[in-house]
Amino acid sequence: MERFDLDQILRYLTIGFVMTGLAFLCEPQRLSALIKELGSIGFPVAAFTIGTLTYLTYRSTVYTFLINPLKDRLTSHNYRVFLKAQYGVKSSLQAEVLWYTIRDLYVKEGHQRIRVHSSGIHLLYMSALSFCAASFYCLARGQQTKVYYLAIASIILGLSGLLTDISVEKQELLLLENVESDKIKAIVDKMISGSQIQQTDSADKQ
């Protein structure tokens, strides 16, 4: 069986238990009954499944299309802005793919440490969203006191994630700047040519 690394546990498993804790806070009797029904094996499996689905949905939507553009507006010191400015990469999404490729090929020093930090950042963001959702649920249920605490916690978690994220991306930019420009340009050219081929194939099919 494959061993889970710390970054995988933070991304996929922990948020499931965070959401379970919030569910217990909002609906303790219902959740207790559900845990009893699922049993000692079914409950961790359910928490892991919820955590995995939550991370995959959040990572492909909220983080990509909301959080990254926000960071690009707040600071220019990150790899997305750098790659677009220096190498003509057209979109932040392309810059993300390009950076992951460069990182896996040429960045060895500090790679794993940054992955763990990034996983912690994603946990902060997902927790902030979960606390926010729980506050709205409690508001709808008339649990006014809980709303304030959950909303404050959501704001603190979200800001902590954002500030840490910006700091880590500055470190990633330094790692990227240490990679030889010829190597970066070769990957960019390959990516652009691949996109052009796909566009040509799509046009031929129409």
N, C-alpha and C. Protein backbone atom coordinates (compact mmCIF):
# COMPACT_ATOMS: atom_id res chain seq x y z
N MET A 1 0.84 -1.20 0.00
CA MET A 1 0.00 0.00 0.00
C MET A 1 0.87 1.25 0.00
N GLU A 2 0.51 2.22 -0.81
CA GLU A 2 1.31 3.44 -0.92
C GLU A 2 1.19 4.27 0.35
N ARG A 3 2.31 4.81 0.81
CA ARG A 3 2.34 5.61 2.02
C ARG A 3 1.92 7.05 1.71
N PHE A 4 1.06 7.62 2.58
CA PHE A 4 0.64 9.00 2.41
C PHE A 4 1.72 9.92 2.97
N ASP A 5 2.10 10.95 2.19
CA ASP A 5 3.01 11.96 2.67
C ASP A 5 2.23 13.01 3.46
N LEU A 6 2.97 13.86 4.18
CA LEU A 6 2.33 14.88 5.00
C LEU A 6 1.51 15.83 4.14
N ASP A 7 2.03 16.21 2.97
CA ASP A 7 1.29 17.14 2.13
C ASP A 7 -0.02 16.53 1.62
N GLN A 8 -0.03 15.21 1.37
CA GLN A 8 -1.26 14.55 0.92
C GLN A 8 -2.28 14.47 2.06
N ILE A 9 -1.80 14.23 3.27
CA ILE A 9 -2.70 14.19 4.42
C ILE A 9 -3.35 15.56 4.62
N LEU A 10 -2.56 16.63 4.50
CA LEU A 10 -3.09 17.97 4.68
C LEU A 10 -4.10 18.33 3.60
N ARG A 11 -3.83 17.89 2.37
CA ARG A 11 -4.72 18.24 1.26
C ARG A 11 -6.02 17.46 1.28
N TYR A 12 -5.93 16.14 1.49
CA TYR A 12 -7.08 15.27 1.26
C TYR A 12 -7.82 14.84 2.52
N LEU A 13 -7.13 14.67 3.61
CA LEU A 13 -7.75 14.05 4.78
C LEU A 13 -8.18 15.06 5.84
N THR A 14 -7.31 16.01 6.17
CA THR A 14 -7.56 16.88 7.31
C THR A 14 -8.82 17.71 7.14
N ILE A 15 -9.06 18.22 5.93
CA ILE A 15 -10.23 19.08 5.73
C ILE A 15 -11.52 18.31 5.97
N GLY A 16 -11.52 16.99 5.71
CA GLY A 16 -12.70 16.17 5.98
C GLY A 16 -13.06 16.17 7.46
N PHE A 17 -12.03 16.11 8.32
CA PHE A 17 -12.27 16.12 9.75
C PHE A 17 -12.62 17.54 10.24
N VAL A 18 -12.06 18.56 9.59
CA VAL A 18 -12.44 19.94 9.92
C VAL A 18 -13.93 20.15 9.65
N MET A 19 -14.37 19.70 8.49
CA MET A 19 -15.77 19.84 8.13
C MET A 19 -16.67 19.01 9.05
N THR A 20 -16.18 17.84 9.48
CA THR A 20 -16.94 17.02 10.42
C THR A 20 -17.09 17.73 11.76
N GLY A 21 -16.01 18.37 12.22
CA GLY A 21 -16.06 19.13 13.47
C GLY A 21 -17.06 20.28 13.38
N LEU A 22 -17.10 20.95 12.25
CA LEU A 22 -18.05 22.05 12.06
C LEU A 22 -19.48 21.52 12.02
N ALA A 23 -19.66 20.38 11.37
CA ALA A 23 -20.99 19.76 11.33
C ALA A 23 -21.45 19.39 12.74
N PHE A 24 -20.52 18.90 13.58
CA PHE A 24 -20.86 18.57 14.96
C PHE A 24 -21.23 19.82 15.74
N LEU A 25 -20.53 20.92 15.47
CA LEU A 25 -20.83 22.19 16.14
C LEU A 25 -22.23 22.68 15.78
N CYS A 26 -22.61 22.52 14.52
CA CYS A 26 -23.91 23.03 14.06
C CYS A 26 -25.05 22.06 14.36
N GLU A 27 -24.80 20.77 14.19
CA GLU A 27 -25.85 19.76 14.38
C GLU A 27 -25.29 18.55 15.14
N PRO A 28 -25.04 18.71 16.45
CA PRO A 28 -24.38 17.64 17.21
C PRO A 28 -25.18 16.34 17.27
N GLN A 29 -26.48 16.43 17.42
CA GLN A 29 -27.28 15.22 17.56
C GLN A 29 -27.34 14.44 16.24
N ARG A 30 -27.55 15.16 15.15
CA ARG A 30 -27.62 14.49 13.84
C ARG A 30 -26.29 13.84 13.48
N LEU A 31 -25.19 14.56 13.73
CA LEU A 31 -23.89 14.01 13.37
C LEU A 31 -23.54 12.81 14.24
N SER A 32 -23.87 12.87 15.53
CA SER A 32 -23.60 11.74 16.43
C SER A 32 -24.31 10.48 15.94
N ALA A 33 -25.55 10.66 15.51
CA ALA A 33 -26.32 9.54 14.99
C ALA A 33 -25.70 9.00 13.70
N LEU A 34 -25.21 9.91 12.86
CA LEU A 34 -24.61 9.50 11.60
C LEU A 34 -23.31 8.74 11.83
N ILE A 35 -22.47 9.23 12.75
CA ILE A 35 -21.21 8.56 13.07
C ILE A 35 -21.47 7.17 13.62
N LYS A 36 -22.48 7.06 14.47
CA LYS A 36 -22.83 5.76 15.04
C LYS A 36 -23.28 4.78 13.95
N GLU A 37 -24.00 5.32 12.97
CA GLU A 37 -24.48 4.48 11.88
C GLU A 37 -23.34 4.05 10.96
N LEU A 38 -22.39 4.96 10.70
CA LEU A 38 -21.27 4.64 9.81
C LEU A 38 -20.29 3.67 10.45
N GLY A 39 -20.09 3.80 11.74
CA GLY A 39 -19.17 2.91 12.44
C GLY A 39 -17.74 3.41 12.42
N SER A 40 -16.86 2.67 13.09
CA SER A 40 -15.46 3.09 13.26
C SER A 40 -14.67 3.03 11.97
N ILE A 41 -15.12 2.25 11.00
CA ILE A 41 -14.43 2.17 9.71
C ILE A 41 -15.08 3.10 8.69
N GLY A 42 -16.39 3.12 8.66
CA GLY A 42 -17.11 3.93 7.68
C GLY A 42 -16.92 5.42 7.86
N PHE A 43 -16.80 5.87 9.12
CA PHE A 43 -16.66 7.30 9.37
C PHE A 43 -15.35 7.87 8.82
N PRO A 44 -14.16 7.27 9.11
CA PRO A 44 -12.92 7.79 8.52
C PRO A 44 -12.92 7.74 6.99
N VAL A 45 -13.51 6.68 6.44
CA VAL A 45 -13.59 6.57 4.97
C VAL A 45 -14.45 7.70 4.42
N ALA A 46 -15.57 7.98 5.07
CA ALA A 46 -16.44 9.07 4.63
C ALA A 46 -15.73 10.42 4.74
N ALA A 47 -14.98 10.61 5.84
CA ALA A 47 -14.25 11.87 6.04
C ALA A 47 -13.18 12.05 4.95
N PHE A 48 -12.47 10.96 4.63
CA PHE A 48 -11.45 11.02 3.58
C PHE A 48 -12.08 11.31 2.22
N THR A 49 -13.21 10.68 1.93
CA THR A 49 -13.89 10.91 0.65
C THR A 49 -14.36 12.35 0.53
N ILE A 50 -14.97 12.87 1.60
CA ILE A 50 -15.43 14.26 1.59
C ILE A 50 -14.24 15.21 1.42
N GLY A 51 -13.15 14.92 2.14
CA GLY A 51 -11.97 15.78 2.04
C GLY A 51 -11.38 15.78 0.64
N THR A 52 -11.31 14.61 0.02
CA THR A 52 -10.75 14.51 -1.33
C THR A 52 -11.60 15.27 -2.34
N LEU A 53 -12.91 15.07 -2.28
CA LEU A 53 -13.81 15.76 -3.21
C LEU A 53 -13.77 17.27 -2.99
N THR A 54 -13.70 17.66 -1.73
CA THR A 54 -13.63 19.09 -1.41
C THR A 54 -12.36 19.71 -1.98
N TYR A 55 -11.21 19.03 -1.77
CA TYR A 55 -9.95 19.58 -2.26
C TYR A 55 -9.94 19.68 -3.78
N LEU A 56 -10.36 18.63 -4.47
CA LEU A 56 -10.32 18.62 -5.93
C LEU A 56 -11.23 19.70 -6.52
N THR A 57 -12.41 19.87 -5.93
CA THR A 57 -13.34 20.91 -6.40
C THR A 57 -12.79 22.30 -6.13
N TYR A 58 -12.31 22.52 -4.91
CA TYR A 58 -11.75 23.82 -4.54
C TYR A 58 -10.52 24.17 -5.39
N ARG A 59 -9.63 23.18 -5.60
CA ARG A 59 -8.37 23.45 -6.31
C ARG A 59 -8.60 23.80 -7.77
N SER A 60 -9.60 23.17 -8.39
CA SER A 60 -9.84 23.39 -9.82
C SER A 60 -10.75 24.59 -10.10
N THR A 61 -11.38 25.12 -9.08
CA THR A 61 -12.30 26.24 -9.30
C THR A 61 -11.92 27.47 -8.46
N VAL A 62 -12.14 27.39 -7.17
CA VAL A 62 -11.94 28.55 -6.30
C VAL A 62 -10.50 29.05 -6.34
N TYR A 63 -9.54 28.13 -6.18
CA TYR A 63 -8.14 28.56 -6.12
C TYR A 63 -7.65 29.06 -7.47
N THR A 64 -8.03 28.37 -8.53
CA THR A 64 -7.52 28.71 -9.86
C THR A 64 -8.14 30.00 -10.39
N PHE A 65 -9.44 30.17 -10.21
CA PHE A 65 -10.14 31.26 -10.88
C PHE A 65 -10.49 32.45 -9.97
N LEU A 66 -10.32 32.28 -8.65
CA LEU A 66 -10.61 33.39 -7.74
C LEU A 66 -9.38 33.82 -6.94
N ILE A 67 -8.73 32.87 -6.29
CA ILE A 67 -7.62 33.22 -5.40
C ILE A 67 -6.39 33.65 -6.18
N ASN A 68 -6.00 32.90 -7.22
CA ASN A 68 -4.82 33.28 -8.00
C ASN A 68 -4.95 34.66 -8.64
N PRO A 69 -6.07 34.98 -9.31
CA PRO A 69 -6.22 36.34 -9.85
C PRO A 69 -6.15 37.43 -8.77
N LEU A 70 -6.70 37.12 -7.58
CA LEU A 70 -6.62 38.09 -6.48
C LEU A 70 -5.17 38.33 -6.09
N LYS A 71 -4.38 37.27 -5.98
CA LYS A 71 -2.96 37.42 -5.62
C LYS A 71 -2.21 38.21 -6.69
N ASP A 72 -2.54 37.98 -7.97
CA ASP A 72 -1.86 38.70 -9.05
C ASP A 72 -2.16 40.19 -9.00
N ARG A 73 -3.34 40.55 -8.47
CA ARG A 73 -3.68 41.97 -8.32
C ARG A 73 -2.98 42.60 -7.12
N LEU A 74 -2.76 41.78 -6.09
CA LEU A 74 -2.16 42.30 -4.86
C LEU A 74 -0.65 42.44 -4.95
N THR A 75 0.00 41.57 -5.73
CA THR A 75 1.46 41.61 -5.84
C THR A 75 1.91 41.09 -7.20
N SER A 76 3.00 41.64 -7.69
CA SER A 76 3.58 41.16 -8.96
C SER A 76 4.74 40.20 -8.71
N HIS A 77 5.05 39.95 -7.44
CA HIS A 77 6.20 39.10 -7.11
C HIS A 77 5.77 37.63 -7.00
N ASN A 78 5.39 37.06 -8.14
CA ASN A 78 5.10 35.63 -8.17
C ASN A 78 5.44 35.09 -9.56
N TYR A 79 5.48 33.78 -9.68
CA TYR A 79 5.95 33.14 -10.92
C TYR A 79 4.98 33.36 -12.08
N ARG A 80 3.69 33.52 -11.81
CA ARG A 80 2.72 33.72 -12.90
C ARG A 80 2.98 35.05 -13.62
N VAL A 81 3.09 36.11 -12.83
CA VAL A 81 3.35 37.43 -13.41
C VAL A 81 4.71 37.45 -14.09
N PHE A 82 5.70 36.82 -13.48
CA PHE A 82 7.05 36.77 -14.04
C PHE A 82 7.06 36.07 -15.40
N LEU A 83 6.42 34.91 -15.48
CA LEU A 83 6.43 34.14 -16.73
C LEU A 83 5.65 34.87 -17.83
N LYS A 84 4.58 35.53 -17.47
CA LYS A 84 3.81 36.28 -18.47
C LYS A 84 4.59 37.50 -18.96
N ALA A 85 5.32 38.16 -18.06
CA ALA A 85 6.06 39.36 -18.43
C ALA A 85 7.35 39.05 -19.18
N GLN A 86 8.06 38.01 -18.75
CA GLN A 86 9.39 37.74 -19.30
C GLN A 86 9.38 36.77 -20.47
N TYR A 87 8.39 35.88 -20.55
CA TYR A 87 8.42 34.83 -21.57
C TYR A 87 7.17 34.79 -22.43
N GLY A 88 6.31 35.79 -22.30
CA GLY A 88 5.16 35.89 -23.18
C GLY A 88 4.08 34.85 -22.97
N VAL A 89 4.05 34.23 -21.78
CA VAL A 89 2.98 33.28 -21.46
C VAL A 89 1.68 34.07 -21.36
N LYS A 90 0.63 33.56 -22.00
CA LYS A 90 -0.57 34.37 -22.17
C LYS A 90 -1.50 34.38 -20.96
N SER A 91 -1.62 33.25 -20.28
CA SER A 91 -2.59 33.18 -19.19
C SER A 91 -1.95 32.68 -17.91
N SER A 92 -2.60 32.98 -16.78
CA SER A 92 -2.11 32.50 -15.49
C SER A 92 -2.20 30.98 -15.41
N LEU A 93 -3.21 30.40 -16.06
CA LEU A 93 -3.36 28.95 -16.05
C LEU A 93 -2.18 28.28 -16.78
N GLN A 94 -1.76 28.86 -17.93
CA GLN A 94 -0.60 28.34 -18.64
C GLN A 94 0.66 28.51 -17.79
N ALA A 95 0.75 29.64 -17.10
CA ALA A 95 1.92 29.88 -16.25
C ALA A 95 1.99 28.87 -15.11
N GLU A 96 0.83 28.48 -14.57
CA GLU A 96 0.80 27.45 -13.53
C GLU A 96 1.36 26.14 -14.06
N VAL A 97 0.87 25.70 -15.23
CA VAL A 97 1.33 24.45 -15.82
C VAL A 97 2.83 24.52 -16.12
N LEU A 98 3.26 25.65 -16.63
CA LEU A 98 4.67 25.83 -16.96
C LEU A 98 5.54 25.75 -15.72
N TRP A 99 5.13 26.41 -14.65
CA TRP A 99 5.91 26.39 -13.42
C TRP A 99 6.00 24.97 -12.85
N TYR A 100 4.91 24.23 -12.86
CA TYR A 100 4.94 22.86 -12.33
C TYR A 100 5.91 22.00 -13.15
N THR A 101 5.93 22.21 -14.46
CA THR A 101 6.84 21.46 -15.32
C THR A 101 8.29 21.80 -15.01
N ILE A 102 8.58 23.09 -14.92
CA ILE A 102 9.94 23.55 -14.62
C ILE A 102 10.37 23.06 -13.24
N ARG A 103 9.45 23.18 -12.28
CA ARG A 103 9.77 22.76 -10.91
C ARG A 103 10.13 21.29 -10.85
N ASP A 104 9.35 20.45 -11.52
CA ASP A 104 9.59 19.01 -11.46
C ASP A 104 10.88 18.62 -12.19
N LEU A 105 11.24 19.39 -13.23
CA LEU A 105 12.42 19.06 -14.02
C LEU A 105 13.71 19.62 -13.42
N TYR A 106 13.66 20.84 -12.94
CA TYR A 106 14.90 21.55 -12.63
C TYR A 106 15.05 22.04 -11.19
N VAL A 107 13.95 22.04 -10.42
CA VAL A 107 14.04 22.55 -9.05
C VAL A 107 14.05 21.38 -8.09
N LYS A 108 15.16 21.17 -7.44
CA LYS A 108 15.29 20.07 -6.50
C LYS A 108 15.37 20.59 -5.06
N GLU A 109 16.11 21.66 -4.88
CA GLU A 109 16.34 22.21 -3.55
C GLU A 109 15.07 22.89 -3.03
N GLY A 110 14.59 22.45 -1.88
CA GLY A 110 13.45 23.11 -1.24
C GLY A 110 12.10 22.77 -1.83
N HIS A 111 12.08 21.86 -2.81
CA HIS A 111 10.83 21.51 -3.50
C HIS A 111 9.82 20.89 -2.54
N GLN A 112 10.24 19.88 -1.79
CA GLN A 112 9.33 19.17 -0.89
C GLN A 112 8.84 20.07 0.24
N ARG A 113 9.73 20.91 0.75
CA ARG A 113 9.36 21.83 1.82
C ARG A 113 8.25 22.78 1.37
N ILE A 114 8.38 23.27 0.15
CA ILE A 114 7.36 24.19 -0.38
C ILE A 114 6.04 23.44 -0.61
N ARG A 115 6.11 22.18 -1.03
CA ARG A 115 4.88 21.40 -1.21
C ARG A 115 4.11 21.26 0.10
N VAL A 116 4.83 21.02 1.19
CA VAL A 116 4.17 20.89 2.49
C VAL A 116 3.56 22.23 2.90
N HIS A 117 4.31 23.32 2.69
CA HIS A 117 3.77 24.65 3.00
C HIS A 117 2.53 24.94 2.16
N SER A 118 2.57 24.57 0.88
CA SER A 118 1.43 24.80 0.00
C SER A 118 0.21 24.01 0.46
N SER A 119 0.43 22.79 0.92
CA SER A 119 -0.67 21.98 1.42
C SER A 119 -1.31 22.63 2.65
N GLY A 120 -0.47 23.17 3.52
CA GLY A 120 -0.98 23.89 4.68
C GLY A 120 -1.79 25.11 4.28
N ILE A 121 -1.34 25.80 3.24
CA ILE A 121 -2.06 26.97 2.73
C ILE A 121 -3.43 26.56 2.20
N HIS A 122 -3.48 25.48 1.43
CA HIS A 122 -4.76 25.00 0.91
C HIS A 122 -5.70 24.62 2.05
N LEU A 123 -5.15 24.04 3.09
CA LEU A 123 -5.97 23.68 4.26
C LEU A 123 -6.56 24.94 4.91
N LEU A 124 -5.77 26.00 5.00
CA LEU A 124 -6.26 27.25 5.56
C LEU A 124 -7.40 27.83 4.71
N TYR A 125 -7.20 27.84 3.40
CA TYR A 125 -8.24 28.36 2.50
C TYR A 125 -9.52 27.53 2.61
N MET A 126 -9.39 26.20 2.54
CA MET A 126 -10.58 25.34 2.59
C MET A 126 -11.27 25.45 3.94
N SER A 127 -10.49 25.59 5.00
CA SER A 127 -11.09 25.75 6.33
C SER A 127 -11.84 27.07 6.41
N ALA A 128 -11.27 28.13 5.83
CA ALA A 128 -11.95 29.42 5.83
C ALA A 128 -13.28 29.33 5.10
N LEU A 129 -13.30 28.66 3.96
CA LEU A 129 -14.55 28.49 3.21
C LEU A 129 -15.54 27.64 4.00
N SER A 130 -15.05 26.61 4.68
CA SER A 130 -15.92 25.74 5.46
C SER A 130 -16.53 26.49 6.65
N PHE A 131 -15.71 27.28 7.33
CA PHE A 131 -16.21 28.08 8.45
C PHE A 131 -17.24 29.10 7.97
N CYS A 132 -16.98 29.68 6.79
CA CYS A 132 -17.92 30.65 6.22
C CYS A 132 -19.26 29.96 5.92
N ALA A 133 -19.21 28.79 5.30
CA ALA A 133 -20.44 28.05 4.99
C ALA A 133 -21.18 27.67 6.27
N ALA A 134 -20.44 27.27 7.31
CA ALA A 134 -21.06 26.91 8.58
C ALA A 134 -21.72 28.11 9.23
N SER A 135 -21.11 29.29 9.09
CA SER A 135 -21.71 30.50 9.67
C SER A 135 -23.04 30.84 9.00
N PHE A 136 -23.13 30.66 7.69
CA PHE A 136 -24.39 30.90 6.99
C PHE A 136 -25.44 29.87 7.40
N TYR A 137 -25.00 28.63 7.58
CA TYR A 137 -25.93 27.59 8.02
C TYR A 137 -26.49 27.92 9.41
N CYS A 138 -25.61 28.31 10.33
CA CYS A 138 -26.06 28.67 11.67
C CYS A 138 -26.96 29.90 11.65
N LEU A 139 -26.66 30.82 10.75
CA LEU A 139 -27.51 32.01 10.61
C LEU A 139 -28.92 31.61 10.19
N ALA A 140 -29.00 30.69 9.23
CA ALA A 140 -30.30 30.22 8.76
C ALA A 140 -31.05 29.45 9.85
N ARG A 141 -30.30 28.82 10.76
CA ARG A 141 -30.91 28.04 11.84
C ARG A 141 -31.16 28.87 13.08
N GLY A 142 -30.82 30.17 13.01
CA GLY A 142 -31.06 31.05 14.14
C GLY A 142 -30.07 30.91 15.28
N GLN A 143 -28.92 30.33 15.02
CA GLN A 143 -27.89 30.16 16.04
C GLN A 143 -26.93 31.35 15.99
N GLN A 144 -27.41 32.49 16.45
CA GLN A 144 -26.73 33.76 16.23
C GLN A 144 -25.35 33.82 16.85
N THR A 145 -25.20 33.29 18.06
CA THR A 145 -23.91 33.38 18.76
C THR A 145 -22.81 32.66 17.98
N LYS A 146 -23.14 31.49 17.45
CA LYS A 146 -22.15 30.73 16.69
C LYS A 146 -21.74 31.45 15.42
N VAL A 147 -22.65 32.22 14.83
CA VAL A 147 -22.37 32.91 13.57
C VAL A 147 -21.16 33.83 13.71
N TYR A 148 -21.11 34.61 14.79
CA TYR A 148 -20.03 35.57 14.98
C TYR A 148 -18.68 34.86 15.08
N TYR A 149 -18.62 33.83 15.90
CA TYR A 149 -17.35 33.11 16.09
C TYR A 149 -16.90 32.44 14.80
N LEU A 150 -17.84 31.84 14.08
CA LEU A 150 -17.49 31.17 12.83
C LEU A 150 -17.03 32.17 11.78
N ALA A 151 -17.71 33.32 11.69
CA ALA A 151 -17.35 34.34 10.70
C ALA A 151 -15.96 34.91 10.99
N ILE A 152 -15.69 35.19 12.28
CA ILE A 152 -14.37 35.73 12.67
C ILE A 152 -13.28 34.71 12.36
N ALA A 153 -13.53 33.45 12.69
CA ALA A 153 -12.56 32.40 12.40
C ALA A 153 -12.32 32.27 10.91
N SER A 154 -13.38 32.39 10.11
CA SER A 154 -13.26 32.30 8.66
C SER A 154 -12.36 33.41 8.11
N ILE A 155 -12.56 34.62 8.61
CA ILE A 155 -11.75 35.76 8.15
C ILE A 155 -10.28 35.56 8.53
N ILE A 156 -10.03 35.14 9.77
CA ILE A 156 -8.65 34.94 10.24
C ILE A 156 -7.96 33.85 9.42
N LEU A 157 -8.65 32.74 9.19
CA LEU A 157 -8.08 31.64 8.41
C LEU A 157 -7.81 32.07 6.97
N GLY A 158 -8.76 32.79 6.37
CA GLY A 158 -8.59 33.23 4.99
C GLY A 158 -7.42 34.19 4.82
N LEU A 159 -7.31 35.16 5.73
CA LEU A 159 -6.21 36.12 5.65
C LEU A 159 -4.87 35.44 5.92
N SER A 160 -4.85 34.51 6.86
CA SER A 160 -3.61 33.77 7.14
C SER A 160 -3.17 32.99 5.91
N GLY A 161 -4.13 32.34 5.25
CA GLY A 161 -3.80 31.60 4.04
C GLY A 161 -3.28 32.51 2.94
N LEU A 162 -3.92 33.65 2.77
CA LEU A 162 -3.52 34.58 1.70
C LEU A 162 -2.12 35.13 1.93
N LEU A 163 -1.84 35.58 3.14
CA LEU A 163 -0.53 36.17 3.44
C LEU A 163 0.58 35.12 3.33
N THR A 164 0.31 33.92 3.82
CA THR A 164 1.31 32.86 3.72
C THR A 164 1.51 32.45 2.27
N ASP A 165 0.43 32.40 1.51
CA ASP A 165 0.49 32.04 0.10
C ASP A 165 1.36 33.02 -0.68
N ILE A 166 1.16 34.29 -0.46
CA ILE A 166 1.95 35.32 -1.14
C ILE A 166 3.44 35.17 -0.78
N SER A 167 3.72 34.89 0.48
CA SER A 167 5.10 34.71 0.92
C SER A 167 5.75 33.50 0.27
N VAL A 168 5.04 32.38 0.20
CA VAL A 168 5.58 31.16 -0.41
C VAL A 168 5.81 31.36 -1.90
N GLU A 169 4.90 32.08 -2.57
CA GLU A 169 5.08 32.31 -4.01
C GLU A 169 6.28 33.21 -4.30
N LYS A 170 6.65 34.07 -3.38
CA LYS A 170 7.89 34.84 -3.53
C LYS A 170 9.10 33.90 -3.48
N GLN A 171 9.04 32.91 -2.61
CA GLN A 171 10.12 31.91 -2.54
C GLN A 171 10.17 31.10 -3.84
N GLU A 172 9.01 30.74 -4.37
CA GLU A 172 8.96 29.99 -5.63
C GLU A 172 9.52 30.83 -6.78
N LEU A 173 9.26 32.12 -6.75
CA LEU A 173 9.80 33.01 -7.79
C LEU A 173 11.32 33.02 -7.74
N LEU A 174 11.90 33.04 -6.54
CA LEU A 174 13.36 33.00 -6.42
C LEU A 174 13.92 31.69 -6.98
N LEU A 175 13.23 30.59 -6.73
CA LEU A 175 13.66 29.31 -7.28
C LEU A 175 13.58 29.33 -8.80
N LEU A 176 12.53 29.91 -9.34
CA LEU A 176 12.35 29.98 -10.79
C LEU A 176 13.43 30.85 -11.43
N GLU A 177 13.78 31.96 -10.80
CA GLU A 177 14.78 32.87 -11.35
C GLU A 177 16.17 32.23 -11.38
N ASN A 178 16.38 31.18 -10.59
CA ASN A 178 17.67 30.49 -10.59
C ASN A 178 17.79 29.46 -11.70
N VAL A 179 16.68 29.19 -12.38
CA VAL A 179 16.71 28.26 -13.51
C VAL A 179 17.19 29.00 -14.75
N GLU A 180 18.04 28.36 -15.53
CA GLU A 180 18.59 28.99 -16.74
C GLU A 180 17.46 29.38 -17.70
N SER A 181 17.57 30.59 -18.23
CA SER A 181 16.51 31.12 -19.09
C SER A 181 16.31 30.29 -20.36
N ASP A 182 17.39 29.69 -20.87
CA ASP A 182 17.28 28.85 -22.07
C ASP A 182 16.39 27.64 -21.82
N LYS A 183 16.49 27.06 -20.63
CA LYS A 183 15.66 25.91 -20.29
C LYS A 183 14.20 26.31 -20.19
N ILE A 184 13.94 27.47 -19.59
CA ILE A 184 12.56 27.95 -19.47
C ILE A 184 11.99 28.24 -20.85
N LYS A 185 12.78 28.91 -21.69
CA LYS A 185 12.30 29.26 -23.03
C LYS A 185 12.00 28.03 -23.86
N ALA A 186 12.80 26.99 -23.71
CA ALA A 186 12.57 25.76 -24.46
C ALA A 186 11.23 25.14 -24.09
N ILE A 187 10.90 25.15 -22.81
CA ILE A 187 9.62 24.60 -22.36
C ILE A 187 8.47 25.48 -22.82
N VAL A 188 8.66 26.81 -22.77
CA VAL A 188 7.63 27.74 -23.24
C VAL A 188 7.36 27.51 -24.72
N ASP A 189 8.43 27.40 -25.53
CA ASP A 189 8.26 27.19 -26.97
C ASP A 189 7.52 25.89 -27.26
N LYS A 190 7.86 24.85 -26.50
CA LYS A 190 7.19 23.56 -26.69
C LYS A 190 5.71 23.67 -26.32
N MET A 191 5.41 24.41 -25.26
CA MET A 191 4.03 24.58 -24.85
C MET A 191 3.23 25.36 -25.89
N ILE A 192 3.84 26.43 -26.42
CA ILE A 192 3.17 27.27 -27.43
C ILE A 192 2.93 26.48 -28.70
N SER A 193 3.94 25.72 -29.14
CA SER A 193 3.78 24.93 -30.36
C SER A 193 2.71 23.86 -30.17
N GLY A 194 2.65 23.28 -28.97
CA GLY A 194 1.63 22.29 -28.68
C GLY A 194 0.24 22.89 -28.72
N SER A 195 0.10 24.12 -28.21
CA SER A 195 -1.19 24.80 -28.23
C SER A 195 -1.60 25.12 -29.66
N GLN A 196 -0.64 25.52 -30.48
CA GLN A 196 -0.95 25.84 -31.88
C GLN A 196 -1.40 24.60 -32.64
N ILE A 197 -0.76 23.46 -32.35
CA ILE A 197 -1.16 22.21 -33.00
C ILE A 197 -2.59 21.83 -32.61
N GLN A 198 -2.92 21.99 -31.32
CA GLN A 198 -4.26 21.69 -30.87
C GLN A 198 -5.30 22.60 -31.52
N GLN A 199 -4.95 23.89 -31.65
CA GLN A 199 -5.86 24.83 -32.29
C GLN A 199 -6.10 24.47 -33.75
N THR A 200 -5.00 24.04 -34.45
CA THR A 200 -5.11 23.66 -35.85
C THR A 200 -6.00 22.42 -36.00
N ASP A 201 -5.80 21.44 -35.11
CA ASP A 201 -6.60 20.23 -35.15
C ASP A 201 -8.08 20.54 -34.90
N SER A 202 -8.34 21.46 -33.98
CA SER A 202 -9.73 21.83 -33.67
C SER A 202 -10.37 22.52 -34.87
N ALA A 203 -9.60 23.38 -35.54
CA ALA A 203 -10.12 24.10 -36.71
C ALA A 203 -10.43 23.12 -37.85
N ASP A 204 -9.57 22.10 -38.02
CA ASP A 204 -9.80 21.12 -39.09
C ASP A 204 -11.05 20.30 -38.84
N LYS A 205 -11.38 20.07 -37.56
CA LYS A 205 -12.54 19.25 -37.24
C LYS A 205 -13.85 20.02 -37.40
N GLN A 206 -13.78 21.34 -37.40
CA GLN A 206 -15.01 22.15 -37.48
C GLN A 206 -15.55 22.17 -38.92
